[in-house]
N, C-alpha and C. Protein backbone atom coordinates (compact mmCIF):
# COMPACT_ATOMS: atom_id res chain seq x y z
N UNK A 1 11.53 -5.82 -16.06
CA UNK A 1 11.00 -4.53 -15.40
C UNK A 1 9.41 -4.60 -15.47
N UNK A 2 8.80 -4.30 -14.24
CA UNK A 2 7.38 -4.14 -14.13
C UNK A 2 6.97 -2.76 -14.78
N UNK A 3 5.83 -2.83 -15.41
CA UNK A 3 5.40 -1.59 -16.08
C UNK A 3 3.71 -1.55 -15.54
N UNK A 4 3.07 -0.48 -16.04
CA UNK A 4 1.66 -0.50 -15.88
C UNK A 4 0.83 -1.66 -16.47
N UNK A 5 1.60 -2.19 -17.43
CA UNK A 5 0.76 -3.46 -18.21
C UNK A 5 0.65 -4.59 -17.19
N UNK A 6 1.56 -4.52 -16.22
CA UNK A 6 1.55 -5.71 -15.41
C UNK A 6 0.62 -5.52 -14.20
N UNK A 7 0.00 -4.33 -13.96
CA UNK A 7 -0.82 -4.08 -12.92
C UNK A 7 -2.25 -4.19 -13.34
N UNK A 8 -2.94 -5.16 -12.67
CA UNK A 8 -4.33 -5.53 -12.85
C UNK A 8 -5.09 -4.41 -12.35
N UNK A 9 -6.40 -4.27 -12.92
CA UNK A 9 -7.29 -3.19 -12.77
C UNK A 9 -8.54 -3.66 -12.03
N UNK A 10 -9.35 -2.71 -11.63
CA UNK A 10 -10.57 -3.02 -10.75
C UNK A 10 -11.46 -4.13 -11.57
N UNK A 11 -12.03 -5.11 -10.99
CA UNK A 11 -12.70 -6.34 -11.54
C UNK A 11 -11.87 -7.47 -11.61
N UNK A 12 -10.31 -7.31 -11.54
CA UNK A 12 -9.74 -8.56 -11.46
C UNK A 12 -9.84 -9.26 -10.09
N UNK A 13 -10.18 -10.63 -10.19
CA UNK A 13 -10.32 -11.42 -8.97
C UNK A 13 -9.31 -11.27 -8.20
N UNK A 14 -7.96 -11.31 -8.28
CA UNK A 14 -6.95 -11.19 -7.33
C UNK A 14 -7.17 -9.95 -6.21
N UNK A 15 -7.75 -8.83 -6.70
CA UNK A 15 -8.05 -7.53 -5.98
C UNK A 15 -9.22 -7.81 -4.91
N UNK A 16 -10.05 -8.88 -4.96
CA UNK A 16 -10.94 -9.15 -3.87
C UNK A 16 -10.83 -10.37 -3.15
N UNK A 17 -9.63 -11.13 -3.21
CA UNK A 17 -9.30 -12.23 -2.49
C UNK A 17 -8.47 -12.06 -1.49
N UNK A 18 -8.63 -12.92 -0.45
CA UNK A 18 -7.35 -12.74 0.54
C UNK A 18 -6.36 -13.58 0.15
N UNK A 19 -5.14 -12.96 0.11
CA UNK A 19 -3.98 -13.48 -0.47
C UNK A 19 -3.35 -14.49 0.61
N UNK A 20 -2.50 -15.42 0.04
CA UNK A 20 -1.99 -16.63 0.75
C UNK A 20 -0.74 -16.22 1.52
N UNK A 21 -0.41 -16.73 2.57
CA UNK A 21 0.96 -16.37 3.29
C UNK A 21 2.11 -17.02 2.27
N UNK A 22 3.13 -16.15 2.38
CA UNK A 22 4.40 -16.76 1.61
C UNK A 22 5.17 -17.45 2.38
N UNK A 23 5.46 -18.73 1.84
CA UNK A 23 6.33 -19.57 2.70
C UNK A 23 7.68 -19.17 3.03
N UNK A 24 8.17 -19.01 4.21
CA UNK A 24 9.47 -18.65 4.42
C UNK A 24 10.47 -19.70 4.97
N UNK A 25 11.66 -19.59 4.68
CA UNK A 25 12.30 -18.45 4.07
C UNK A 25 11.72 -18.42 2.49
N UNK A 26 11.78 -17.29 1.96
CA UNK A 26 11.12 -16.90 0.53
C UNK A 26 11.83 -17.83 -0.46
N UNK A 27 11.24 -18.13 -1.44
CA UNK A 27 11.97 -18.69 -2.71
C UNK A 27 12.51 -17.63 -3.37
N UNK A 28 13.57 -17.89 -4.34
CA UNK A 28 14.26 -16.99 -5.04
C UNK A 28 13.07 -16.17 -5.89
N UNK A 29 12.18 -17.03 -6.42
CA UNK A 29 11.11 -16.41 -7.43
C UNK A 29 10.46 -15.29 -6.57
N UNK A 30 10.05 -15.55 -5.33
CA UNK A 30 9.34 -14.61 -4.54
C UNK A 30 10.00 -13.46 -4.16
N UNK A 31 11.40 -13.46 -3.92
CA UNK A 31 12.28 -12.59 -3.53
C UNK A 31 12.45 -11.64 -4.93
N UNK A 32 12.59 -12.28 -6.09
CA UNK A 32 12.75 -11.55 -7.19
C UNK A 32 11.42 -10.63 -7.49
N UNK A 33 10.27 -11.24 -7.37
CA UNK A 33 9.15 -10.48 -7.61
C UNK A 33 9.07 -9.20 -6.62
N UNK A 34 9.30 -9.44 -5.25
CA UNK A 34 9.30 -8.33 -4.35
C UNK A 34 10.24 -7.26 -4.73
N UNK A 35 11.45 -7.75 -4.90
CA UNK A 35 12.48 -6.85 -5.34
C UNK A 35 12.07 -5.95 -6.57
N UNK A 36 11.48 -6.63 -7.68
CA UNK A 36 10.82 -5.96 -8.74
C UNK A 36 9.89 -5.03 -8.47
N UNK A 37 8.91 -5.34 -7.53
CA UNK A 37 7.87 -4.48 -7.06
C UNK A 37 8.48 -3.27 -6.39
N UNK A 38 9.54 -3.45 -5.58
CA UNK A 38 10.05 -2.31 -4.84
C UNK A 38 10.64 -1.31 -6.29
N UNK A 39 11.50 -2.04 -6.98
CA UNK A 39 11.93 -1.16 -8.14
C UNK A 39 10.88 -0.46 -9.12
N UNK A 40 9.76 -0.99 -9.17
CA UNK A 40 8.70 -0.55 -9.99
C UNK A 40 8.14 0.75 -9.16
N UNK A 41 8.00 0.83 -7.83
CA UNK A 41 7.68 1.92 -7.21
C UNK A 41 8.55 3.04 -7.23
N UNK A 42 9.87 2.62 -7.06
CA UNK A 42 10.96 3.65 -7.26
C UNK A 42 10.89 4.34 -8.58
N UNK A 43 10.87 3.50 -9.69
CA UNK A 43 10.92 4.03 -11.10
C UNK A 43 9.50 4.74 -11.40
N UNK A 44 8.60 4.65 -10.69
CA UNK A 44 7.23 5.41 -11.04
C UNK A 44 7.44 6.70 -10.41
N UNK A 45 8.35 7.03 -9.41
CA UNK A 45 8.58 8.33 -9.04
C UNK A 45 9.78 8.99 -9.65
N UNK A 46 10.46 8.49 -10.44
CA UNK A 46 11.54 8.94 -11.32
C UNK A 46 10.71 9.65 -12.43
N UNK A 47 10.93 10.87 -12.46
CA UNK A 47 10.12 11.60 -13.72
C UNK A 47 10.65 11.07 -15.06
N UNK A 48 11.95 10.83 -15.22
CA UNK A 48 12.20 10.30 -16.68
C UNK A 48 11.91 8.87 -16.94
N UNK A 49 12.07 8.17 -15.76
CA UNK A 49 11.67 6.82 -16.09
C UNK A 49 10.17 6.63 -16.12
N UNK A 50 9.38 7.21 -15.38
CA UNK A 50 7.84 7.39 -15.42
C UNK A 50 7.39 7.75 -16.80
N UNK A 51 8.05 8.83 -17.48
CA UNK A 51 7.71 9.22 -18.74
C UNK A 51 8.15 8.26 -19.87
N UNK A 52 9.28 7.65 -19.68
CA UNK A 52 9.60 6.73 -20.81
C UNK A 52 8.90 5.52 -20.78
N UNK A 53 8.52 5.03 -19.73
CA UNK A 53 7.71 3.63 -19.59
C UNK A 53 6.24 3.80 -19.37
N UNK A 54 5.76 4.90 -19.18
CA UNK A 54 4.28 5.45 -18.92
C UNK A 54 3.81 4.89 -17.66
N UNK A 55 4.72 5.19 -16.65
CA UNK A 55 4.23 4.63 -15.25
C UNK A 55 3.64 5.77 -14.49
N UNK A 56 2.51 5.37 -13.84
CA UNK A 56 1.77 6.34 -13.01
C UNK A 56 2.67 6.17 -11.55
N UNK A 57 2.78 7.43 -10.93
CA UNK A 57 3.51 7.50 -9.71
C UNK A 57 2.80 6.91 -8.68
N UNK A 58 3.56 6.02 -7.88
CA UNK A 58 2.89 5.50 -6.76
C UNK A 58 3.91 5.26 -5.55
N UNK A 59 3.28 5.16 -4.42
CA UNK A 59 4.13 5.03 -3.09
C UNK A 59 4.32 3.60 -2.68
N UNK A 60 3.33 2.57 -3.21
CA UNK A 60 3.50 1.23 -2.98
C UNK A 60 2.79 0.42 -3.85
N UNK A 61 3.03 -0.97 -3.71
CA UNK A 61 2.31 -1.99 -4.56
C UNK A 61 2.18 -3.15 -3.82
N UNK A 62 1.19 -3.95 -3.85
CA UNK A 62 1.01 -5.09 -3.34
C UNK A 62 0.85 -6.14 -4.41
N UNK A 63 1.34 -7.41 -4.12
CA UNK A 63 1.33 -8.59 -5.02
C UNK A 63 -0.14 -8.88 -5.74
N UNK A 64 -1.04 -8.65 -4.92
CA UNK A 64 -2.54 -8.92 -5.63
C UNK A 64 -2.60 -8.04 -6.86
N UNK A 65 -2.02 -6.76 -6.91
CA UNK A 65 -2.21 -5.91 -7.87
C UNK A 65 -1.48 -6.22 -9.14
N UNK A 66 -0.60 -7.36 -9.04
CA UNK A 66 -0.01 -7.82 -10.20
C UNK A 66 -0.65 -9.25 -10.51
N UNK A 67 -1.67 -9.45 -9.96
CA UNK A 67 -2.53 -10.81 -10.14
C UNK A 67 -1.89 -11.84 -9.37
N UNK A 68 -0.94 -11.79 -8.35
CA UNK A 68 -0.26 -12.74 -7.60
C UNK A 68 -1.00 -12.74 -6.27
N UNK A 69 -1.53 -13.79 -5.82
CA UNK A 69 -2.30 -13.83 -4.66
C UNK A 69 -1.36 -14.26 -3.35
N UNK A 70 -0.43 -13.47 -3.22
CA UNK A 70 0.48 -13.76 -2.06
C UNK A 70 0.77 -12.57 -1.24
N UNK A 71 0.96 -12.74 0.19
CA UNK A 71 1.15 -11.64 1.06
C UNK A 71 2.30 -11.00 1.18
N UNK A 72 2.34 -10.10 0.30
CA UNK A 72 3.81 -9.26 0.02
C UNK A 72 3.43 -7.97 -0.60
N UNK A 73 4.08 -6.89 -0.11
CA UNK A 73 4.18 -5.70 -0.77
C UNK A 73 5.28 -4.84 -0.60
N UNK A 74 5.50 -3.80 -1.32
CA UNK A 74 6.48 -2.92 -1.49
C UNK A 74 6.11 -1.44 -1.26
N UNK A 75 6.94 -0.79 -0.58
CA UNK A 75 6.74 0.70 -0.36
C UNK A 75 8.01 1.54 -0.60
N UNK A 76 7.86 2.70 -1.04
CA UNK A 76 8.97 3.68 -1.33
C UNK A 76 8.31 5.07 -1.05
N UNK A 77 8.52 5.72 0.00
CA UNK A 77 8.11 7.15 0.11
C UNK A 77 8.77 7.64 1.25
N UNK A 78 8.71 9.10 1.37
CA UNK A 78 9.18 9.94 2.41
C UNK A 78 8.05 10.44 3.19
N UNK A 79 7.88 10.38 4.47
CA UNK A 79 6.81 11.06 5.28
C UNK A 79 6.88 12.70 5.21
N UNK A 80 6.10 13.32 5.72
CA UNK A 80 6.26 14.91 5.74
C UNK A 80 7.46 15.43 6.34
N UNK A 81 7.98 14.44 7.32
CA UNK A 81 9.26 14.97 8.07
C UNK A 81 10.36 14.48 7.33
N UNK A 82 10.35 13.96 6.13
CA UNK A 82 11.48 13.47 5.42
C UNK A 82 12.10 12.13 5.74
N UNK A 83 11.31 11.38 6.62
CA UNK A 83 11.89 10.02 6.88
C UNK A 83 11.39 9.09 5.54
N UNK A 84 12.54 8.38 5.38
CA UNK A 84 12.32 7.33 4.07
C UNK A 84 11.91 6.10 4.55
N UNK A 85 10.85 5.57 3.94
CA UNK A 85 10.22 4.11 4.09
C UNK A 85 10.47 3.45 2.74
N UNK A 86 11.37 2.49 2.78
CA UNK A 86 11.55 1.89 1.46
C UNK A 86 11.88 0.48 1.74
N UNK A 87 11.21 -0.51 1.16
CA UNK A 87 11.47 -2.07 1.31
C UNK A 87 10.23 -2.84 0.85
N UNK A 88 10.56 -4.05 0.79
CA UNK A 88 9.48 -5.10 0.45
C UNK A 88 9.41 -6.16 1.56
N UNK A 89 8.17 -6.25 1.86
CA UNK A 89 7.73 -7.09 3.00
C UNK A 89 6.93 -8.35 2.76
N UNK A 90 7.40 -9.40 3.35
CA UNK A 90 6.54 -10.57 3.43
C UNK A 90 5.71 -10.82 4.45
N UNK A 91 4.40 -11.27 4.34
CA UNK A 91 3.52 -11.72 5.44
C UNK A 91 3.35 -10.64 6.42
N UNK A 92 3.14 -9.45 6.06
CA UNK A 92 2.93 -8.42 7.13
C UNK A 92 1.68 -8.52 7.89
N UNK A 93 1.85 -8.07 9.15
CA UNK A 93 0.64 -8.36 10.02
C UNK A 93 0.61 -7.04 10.89
N UNK A 94 -0.59 -6.47 11.06
CA UNK A 94 -0.86 -5.29 11.95
C UNK A 94 -1.03 -5.85 13.34
N UNK A 95 -0.07 -5.60 14.23
CA UNK A 95 0.06 -6.18 15.55
C UNK A 95 -0.84 -5.29 16.65
N UNK A 96 -0.98 -4.05 16.20
CA UNK A 96 -1.79 -3.21 16.98
C UNK A 96 -2.02 -1.91 16.31
N UNK A 97 -3.25 -1.16 16.87
CA UNK A 97 -3.62 0.00 16.29
C UNK A 97 -4.28 0.85 17.39
N UNK A 98 -4.27 2.28 17.01
CA UNK A 98 -4.79 3.15 17.90
C UNK A 98 -6.43 3.11 17.62
N UNK A 99 -6.97 3.78 18.68
CA UNK A 99 -8.38 4.06 18.52
C UNK A 99 -8.68 5.25 17.55
N UNK A 100 -7.86 6.16 17.81
CA UNK A 100 -7.88 7.33 16.86
C UNK A 100 -7.63 6.99 15.64
N UNK A 101 -8.37 7.75 14.63
CA UNK A 101 -8.39 7.56 13.24
C UNK A 101 -7.85 8.86 12.52
N UNK A 102 -7.38 8.56 11.22
CA UNK A 102 -6.94 9.70 10.62
C UNK A 102 -7.48 9.40 9.14
N UNK A 103 -7.18 10.44 8.28
CA UNK A 103 -7.47 10.45 6.86
C UNK A 103 -6.68 11.35 6.04
N UNK A 104 -6.62 11.14 4.71
CA UNK A 104 -5.99 12.20 3.87
C UNK A 104 -7.29 12.88 3.40
N UNK A 105 -7.04 14.36 3.66
CA UNK A 105 -8.08 15.25 3.15
C UNK A 105 -8.43 15.25 1.81
N UNK A 106 -7.37 14.94 0.78
CA UNK A 106 -7.60 14.79 -0.66
C UNK A 106 -7.95 13.38 -1.03
N UNK A 107 -8.28 12.43 -0.30
CA UNK A 107 -8.74 11.15 -0.73
C UNK A 107 -7.40 10.29 -1.01
N UNK A 108 -7.56 9.21 -1.32
CA UNK A 108 -6.66 8.07 -1.65
C UNK A 108 -6.79 7.68 -3.21
N UNK A 109 -5.67 7.37 -3.81
CA UNK A 109 -5.78 6.66 -5.08
C UNK A 109 -5.10 5.29 -5.14
N UNK A 110 -5.00 4.75 -6.24
CA UNK A 110 -4.55 3.44 -6.38
C UNK A 110 -4.25 3.01 -7.82
N UNK A 111 -3.01 2.45 -7.83
CA UNK A 111 -2.59 2.06 -9.15
C UNK A 111 -3.47 1.12 -9.94
N UNK A 112 -4.37 0.38 -9.24
CA UNK A 112 -5.36 -0.54 -9.95
C UNK A 112 -6.65 0.22 -10.15
N UNK A 113 -6.79 1.40 -9.83
CA UNK A 113 -7.95 2.08 -10.10
C UNK A 113 -7.75 3.26 -11.03
N UNK A 114 -8.26 3.41 -12.35
CA UNK A 114 -8.04 4.29 -13.33
C UNK A 114 -9.20 5.39 -13.16
N UNK A 115 -9.83 5.62 -12.09
CA UNK A 115 -10.59 6.48 -11.99
C UNK A 115 -10.42 7.39 -10.54
N UNK A 116 -10.94 8.66 -10.50
CA UNK A 116 -10.97 9.31 -9.19
C UNK A 116 -12.20 8.69 -8.39
N UNK A 117 -11.84 8.48 -7.12
CA UNK A 117 -12.93 7.98 -6.31
C UNK A 117 -12.99 9.06 -5.04
N UNK A 118 -13.70 10.01 -5.05
CA UNK A 118 -13.72 11.14 -3.95
C UNK A 118 -14.28 10.53 -2.82
N UNK A 119 -13.78 10.92 -1.61
CA UNK A 119 -14.28 10.73 -0.34
C UNK A 119 -13.24 10.38 0.64
N UNK A 120 -13.69 10.41 1.79
CA UNK A 120 -12.70 10.17 3.14
C UNK A 120 -12.53 8.61 3.39
N UNK A 121 -11.15 8.32 3.36
CA UNK A 121 -10.97 6.88 3.60
C UNK A 121 -10.39 6.94 4.99
N UNK A 122 -11.14 6.37 5.91
CA UNK A 122 -10.64 6.50 7.39
C UNK A 122 -9.58 5.18 7.63
N UNK A 123 -8.45 5.71 8.36
CA UNK A 123 -7.29 4.69 8.70
C UNK A 123 -7.01 4.85 10.17
N UNK A 124 -6.48 3.90 10.78
CA UNK A 124 -5.93 4.14 12.15
C UNK A 124 -4.83 5.15 11.97
N UNK A 125 -4.74 5.92 13.02
CA UNK A 125 -3.83 6.90 12.97
C UNK A 125 -2.38 6.39 13.16
N UNK A 126 -2.37 5.30 14.13
CA UNK A 126 -1.10 4.80 14.56
C UNK A 126 -1.34 3.23 14.33
N UNK A 127 -0.26 2.42 13.72
CA UNK A 127 -0.20 0.95 13.76
C UNK A 127 1.14 0.54 14.11
N UNK A 128 1.06 -0.67 14.70
CA UNK A 128 2.45 -1.48 14.75
C UNK A 128 2.42 -2.60 13.69
N UNK A 129 3.37 -2.54 12.92
CA UNK A 129 3.40 -3.61 11.77
C UNK A 129 4.53 -4.39 11.89
N UNK A 130 4.29 -5.92 11.83
CA UNK A 130 5.51 -6.75 11.90
C UNK A 130 5.40 -7.42 10.47
N UNK A 131 6.69 -7.89 9.98
CA UNK A 131 6.74 -8.39 8.68
C UNK A 131 8.26 -8.98 8.64
N UNK A 132 8.39 -9.78 7.42
CA UNK A 132 9.83 -10.33 7.13
C UNK A 132 10.24 -9.45 5.90
N UNK A 133 11.52 -8.78 6.04
CA UNK A 133 11.77 -8.12 4.98
C UNK A 133 12.53 -9.01 3.92
N UNK A 134 12.96 -8.15 2.72
CA UNK A 134 13.63 -8.88 1.61
C UNK A 134 14.88 -9.78 1.94
N UNK A 135 15.47 -9.36 3.02
CA UNK A 135 16.71 -9.99 3.50
C UNK A 135 16.38 -11.23 4.46
N UNK A 136 15.09 -11.37 4.60
CA UNK A 136 14.66 -12.49 5.63
C UNK A 136 14.60 -12.15 7.07
N UNK A 137 14.83 -10.87 7.35
CA UNK A 137 14.80 -10.39 8.76
C UNK A 137 13.39 -9.98 9.29
N UNK A 138 13.13 -10.27 10.51
CA UNK A 138 11.78 -9.72 10.97
C UNK A 138 12.13 -8.43 11.44
N UNK A 139 11.09 -7.75 10.97
CA UNK A 139 10.98 -6.27 11.13
C UNK A 139 9.68 -5.88 11.88
N UNK A 140 9.87 -4.75 12.53
CA UNK A 140 8.61 -4.15 13.16
C UNK A 140 8.77 -2.75 13.01
N UNK A 141 7.42 -2.00 12.65
CA UNK A 141 7.40 -0.63 12.52
C UNK A 141 6.32 -0.11 13.24
N UNK A 142 6.73 1.05 13.93
CA UNK A 142 5.63 1.83 14.72
C UNK A 142 5.35 3.05 13.80
N UNK A 143 4.26 3.03 13.16
CA UNK A 143 3.94 4.02 12.12
C UNK A 143 2.73 4.95 12.56
N UNK A 144 2.87 6.18 12.06
CA UNK A 144 1.65 6.97 12.37
C UNK A 144 1.35 8.06 11.14
N UNK A 145 0.30 8.55 11.23
CA UNK A 145 -0.21 9.38 10.12
C UNK A 145 0.03 8.89 8.76
N UNK A 146 0.70 9.68 7.83
CA UNK A 146 0.83 9.37 6.57
C UNK A 146 1.47 7.97 6.31
N UNK A 147 2.61 7.57 7.08
CA UNK A 147 3.29 6.34 6.92
C UNK A 147 2.24 5.20 7.36
N UNK A 148 1.30 5.38 8.38
CA UNK A 148 0.36 4.53 8.83
C UNK A 148 -0.65 4.29 7.61
N UNK A 149 -1.02 5.27 7.15
CA UNK A 149 -2.02 5.47 6.01
C UNK A 149 -1.53 4.51 4.83
N UNK A 150 -0.08 4.66 4.15
CA UNK A 150 0.40 4.03 3.23
C UNK A 150 0.33 2.51 3.42
N UNK A 151 0.94 2.30 4.52
CA UNK A 151 1.01 0.72 4.90
C UNK A 151 -0.34 0.07 4.99
N UNK A 152 -1.38 0.69 5.65
CA UNK A 152 -2.53 0.13 5.75
C UNK A 152 -3.30 -0.10 4.41
N UNK A 153 -3.04 0.97 3.49
CA UNK A 153 -3.53 0.80 2.11
C UNK A 153 -3.01 -0.42 1.43
N UNK A 154 -1.72 -0.68 1.58
CA UNK A 154 -1.24 -1.88 0.80
C UNK A 154 -1.38 -3.28 1.50
N UNK A 155 -1.72 -3.08 2.98
CA UNK A 155 -2.18 -4.20 3.62
C UNK A 155 -3.54 -4.57 3.32
N UNK A 156 -4.44 -3.65 3.16
CA UNK A 156 -5.64 -3.92 2.52
C UNK A 156 -5.82 -4.67 1.45
N UNK A 157 -4.82 -4.54 0.56
CA UNK A 157 -4.80 -5.47 -0.93
C UNK A 157 -4.76 -6.87 -0.45
N UNK A 158 -4.02 -7.10 0.53
CA UNK A 158 -3.61 -8.58 1.00
C UNK A 158 -4.81 -9.22 1.53
N UNK A 159 -5.89 -8.40 1.84
CA UNK A 159 -7.19 -8.94 2.20
C UNK A 159 -8.36 -8.73 1.23
N UNK A 160 -8.04 -8.51 0.13
CA UNK A 160 -8.94 -8.12 -0.88
C UNK A 160 -9.96 -6.77 -0.67
N UNK A 161 -9.37 -5.85 0.10
CA UNK A 161 -10.09 -4.76 0.31
C UNK A 161 -9.53 -3.61 -0.51
N UNK A 162 -10.34 -2.80 -1.20
CA UNK A 162 -9.88 -1.58 -1.89
C UNK A 162 -10.24 -0.42 -1.03
N UNK A 163 -9.37 0.67 -1.35
CA UNK A 163 -9.53 1.86 -0.49
C UNK A 163 -10.98 2.51 -0.45
N UNK A 164 -11.67 2.32 -1.71
CA UNK A 164 -13.06 2.87 -1.64
C UNK A 164 -13.93 2.01 -0.86
N UNK A 165 -13.59 0.88 -0.62
CA UNK A 165 -14.63 0.12 0.37
C UNK A 165 -14.70 0.84 1.84
N UNK A 166 -13.87 1.55 2.13
CA UNK A 166 -13.76 2.27 3.39
C UNK A 166 -14.63 3.58 3.45
N UNK A 167 -14.97 4.00 2.23
CA UNK A 167 -15.69 5.30 2.07
C UNK A 167 -17.10 5.16 2.58
N UNK A 168 -17.63 6.06 3.28
CA UNK A 168 -19.17 6.13 3.74
C UNK A 168 -19.90 6.44 2.41
N UNK A 169 -20.69 5.50 1.92
CA UNK A 169 -21.55 5.77 0.55
C UNK A 169 -22.35 6.86 0.83
N UNK A 170 -23.03 6.68 2.00
CA UNK A 170 -24.21 7.79 2.31
C UNK A 170 -23.70 9.27 2.32
N UNK A 171 -22.49 9.43 2.94
CA UNK A 171 -21.94 10.63 3.02
C UNK A 171 -20.26 10.59 2.77
N UNK A 172 -19.66 10.59 1.55
CA UNK A 172 -18.48 10.43 1.31
C UNK A 172 -17.34 11.39 1.93
N UNK A 173 -17.86 12.45 2.35
CA UNK A 173 -16.92 13.49 2.94
C UNK A 173 -17.06 13.75 4.31
N UNK A 174 -17.72 12.75 4.92
CA UNK A 174 -17.93 13.00 6.38
C UNK A 174 -16.84 12.43 7.11
N UNK A 175 -16.22 13.10 7.93
CA UNK A 175 -15.00 12.70 8.77
C UNK A 175 -15.48 11.65 9.77
N UNK A 176 -14.84 10.66 9.90
CA UNK A 176 -15.24 9.67 11.08
C UNK A 176 -15.07 10.20 12.33
N UNK A 177 -15.87 9.78 13.27
CA UNK A 177 -15.58 10.22 14.58
C UNK A 177 -14.30 9.80 15.14
N UNK A 178 -13.58 10.62 16.03
CA UNK A 178 -12.39 10.25 16.55
C UNK A 178 -11.32 10.37 15.40
N UNK A 179 -11.47 11.13 14.40
CA UNK A 179 -10.36 11.34 13.39
C UNK A 179 -9.85 12.61 13.27
N UNK A 180 -8.62 12.80 12.90
CA UNK A 180 -7.91 13.97 12.59
C UNK A 180 -7.41 13.83 11.27
N UNK A 181 -7.56 14.93 10.42
CA UNK A 181 -6.98 14.86 9.02
C UNK A 181 -5.55 14.77 9.00
N UNK A 182 -4.94 13.97 8.31
CA UNK A 182 -3.47 13.87 8.20
C UNK A 182 -2.85 15.01 7.58
N UNK A 183 -1.89 15.72 8.24
CA UNK A 183 -1.26 16.84 7.81
C UNK A 183 0.06 16.49 7.04
N UNK A 184 -0.11 16.82 5.85
CA UNK A 184 1.00 16.52 4.85
C UNK A 184 2.23 17.59 4.78
N UNK A 185 2.16 18.59 5.65
CA UNK A 185 2.99 19.62 5.56
C UNK A 185 4.24 19.34 6.60
């Protein structure tokens, strides 16, 4: 079982490198890791498990956050409308995105960052993401608002980009032009 001890923190080289494509069909080893990543995210949201194993709650995790430079991530969360997004994905690609931007008014956090980094993280409001799931099937998601933000956060890890790399250093709380705050209600 993965725990916070397995999660690398800021300064680890795998967090700043572009991860390599996963050769498909995925090996049993890659499938097991991705399955374990999904279980980690689910466990982190379970109050009892999180307390017992000292897990920080998260909605997603990417392989580079475990020091594994491969293009895969897992997510498990509900959007504000109650739609569940849960799965592990190999070689995700953003096929298209909107011009319109969004952001979380409260900012973003990350399991690999042990400090608060205040500021607005601009994200595309809508994206189309293609990937291969744990079962080896090609999948395509049209995502918007909160779901799009979560998937973009994890996708960035595959390209060596941290959420705070998007924050405007000169004016961290300046909303980008063409952006609407993501409503979490």
